[in-house]
Protein backbone atom coordinates (compact mmCIF):
# COMPACT_ATOMS: atom_id res chain seq x y z
CA UNK A 1 -6.70 40.83 65.43
CA UNK A 2 -9.75 43.09 65.77
CA UNK A 3 -13.02 42.79 63.89
CA UNK A 4 -15.98 45.07 64.33
CA UNK A 5 -19.44 43.55 64.18
CA UNK A 6 -22.43 45.82 63.72
CA UNK A 7 -25.69 44.33 64.96
CA UNK A 8 -27.82 47.34 64.01
CA UNK A 9 -29.18 45.64 60.88
CA UNK A 10 -29.60 42.19 62.44
CA UNK A 11 -33.19 41.27 63.28
CA UNK A 12 -33.13 37.45 63.15
CA UNK A 13 -30.76 34.50 63.40
CA UNK A 14 -30.42 33.97 59.66
CA UNK A 15 -29.23 37.56 59.23
CA UNK A 16 -26.76 37.05 62.07
CA UNK A 17 -25.23 33.95 60.51
CA UNK A 18 -25.14 35.46 57.01
CA UNK A 19 -23.40 38.58 58.35
CA UNK A 20 -20.82 36.48 60.21
CA UNK A 21 -20.21 34.43 57.08
CA UNK A 22 -19.58 37.66 55.16
CA UNK A 23 -17.10 38.83 57.80
CA UNK A 24 -15.21 35.55 58.09
CA UNK A 25 -15.71 33.97 54.67
CA UNK A 26 -16.52 30.52 55.99
CA UNK A 27 -16.37 27.49 53.65
CA UNK A 28 -19.28 26.52 51.41
CA UNK A 29 -20.29 23.83 53.91
CA UNK A 30 -21.18 26.54 56.47
CA UNK A 31 -24.93 26.22 56.94
CA UNK A 32 -25.98 29.19 59.09
CA UNK A 33 -26.37 27.27 62.33
CA UNK A 34 -24.80 27.63 65.77
CA UNK A 35 -23.01 24.30 65.36
CA UNK A 36 -21.47 25.39 62.04
CA UNK A 37 -20.29 28.65 63.61
CA UNK A 38 -18.80 26.77 66.57
CA UNK A 39 -16.97 24.44 64.19
CA UNK A 40 -15.58 27.29 62.11
CA UNK A 41 -14.52 29.43 65.06
CA UNK A 42 -13.08 26.40 66.86
CA UNK A 43 -10.59 26.08 64.03
CA UNK A 44 -9.37 29.67 63.89
CA UNK A 45 -5.95 28.45 64.98
CA UNK A 46 -5.91 25.39 62.75
CA UNK A 47 -4.35 26.33 59.42
CA UNK A 48 -4.99 22.87 57.97
CA UNK A 49 -8.79 23.20 58.14
CA UNK A 50 -9.06 26.68 56.58
CA UNK A 51 -12.51 27.28 58.06
CA UNK A 52 -12.13 31.04 57.67
CA UNK A 53 -10.03 33.64 55.92
CA UNK A 54 -8.97 34.61 59.43
CA UNK A 55 -6.38 32.29 60.93
CA UNK A 56 -3.78 32.92 63.57
CA UNK A 57 -1.30 31.23 65.87
CA UNK A 58 -1.88 29.77 69.33
CA UNK A 59 -1.17 32.96 71.24
CA UNK A 60 -3.24 35.38 69.19
CA UNK A 61 -6.77 36.38 70.06
CA UNK A 62 -9.71 37.60 68.06
CA UNK A 63 -11.11 40.77 69.57
CA UNK A 64 -14.70 41.25 68.46
CA UNK A 65 -15.93 44.81 68.87
CA UNK A 66 -19.70 44.60 69.07
CA UNK A 67 -21.72 47.62 68.01
CA UNK A 68 -25.41 47.81 68.90
CA UNK A 69 -25.34 44.40 70.56
CA UNK A 70 -29.00 43.33 70.81
CA UNK A 71 -29.40 42.81 74.55
CA UNK A 72 -33.15 43.22 74.14
CA UNK A 73 -33.31 40.44 71.56
CA UNK A 74 -32.71 37.37 73.69
CA UNK A 75 -32.68 34.94 70.78
CA UNK A 76 -29.88 36.68 68.88
CA UNK A 77 -27.83 37.73 71.89
CA UNK A 78 -28.10 34.32 73.53
CA UNK A 79 -27.14 32.42 70.37
CA UNK A 80 -24.12 34.65 69.83
CA UNK A 81 -22.89 34.51 73.43
CA UNK A 82 -23.41 30.76 73.75
CA UNK A 83 -21.39 30.15 70.59
CA UNK A 84 -18.53 32.34 71.84
CA UNK A 85 -18.61 30.61 75.23
CA UNK A 86 -18.54 27.13 73.67
CA UNK A 87 -15.66 28.00 71.35
CA UNK A 88 -13.64 29.45 74.20
CA UNK A 89 -14.40 26.38 76.34
CA UNK A 90 -13.07 24.09 73.59
CA UNK A 91 -9.76 25.95 73.74
CA UNK A 92 -9.71 26.05 77.54
CA UNK A 93 -10.20 22.28 77.61
CA UNK A 94 -7.02 21.99 75.50
CA UNK A 95 -5.19 24.30 77.96
CA UNK A 96 -4.99 27.03 75.34
CA UNK A 97 -5.83 30.70 75.59
CA UNK A 98 -9.48 31.26 74.63
CA UNK A 99 -9.39 32.83 71.16
CA UNK A 100 -12.44 35.10 71.23
CA UNK A 101 -12.64 38.21 73.38
CA UNK A 102 -15.54 40.64 73.28
CA UNK A 103 -15.85 44.38 73.66
CA UNK A 104 -19.32 45.86 73.82
CA UNK A 105 -19.43 49.34 72.33
């Protein structure tokens, strides 16, 4: 599955987390924090938790196409990359294929 994420209108962390919530339709308990994002993305392959409208099986990956990734905004870029790394590590620790792959456009 591919999802395009446009960072051109993102200037702070709150905007980042709100935009990701809009893309993934996280549950009402999602509170715009890195930990909440990690929890939601860590359950992309867990149909029982329904942490997102996007769910898939153990072999599928989520390809995130990143437009205008803010490499000059360390706070936003670091938060985003750390979350992706932690989610992928959770899956690696379970001997599963990491679910999130990134393409920088």
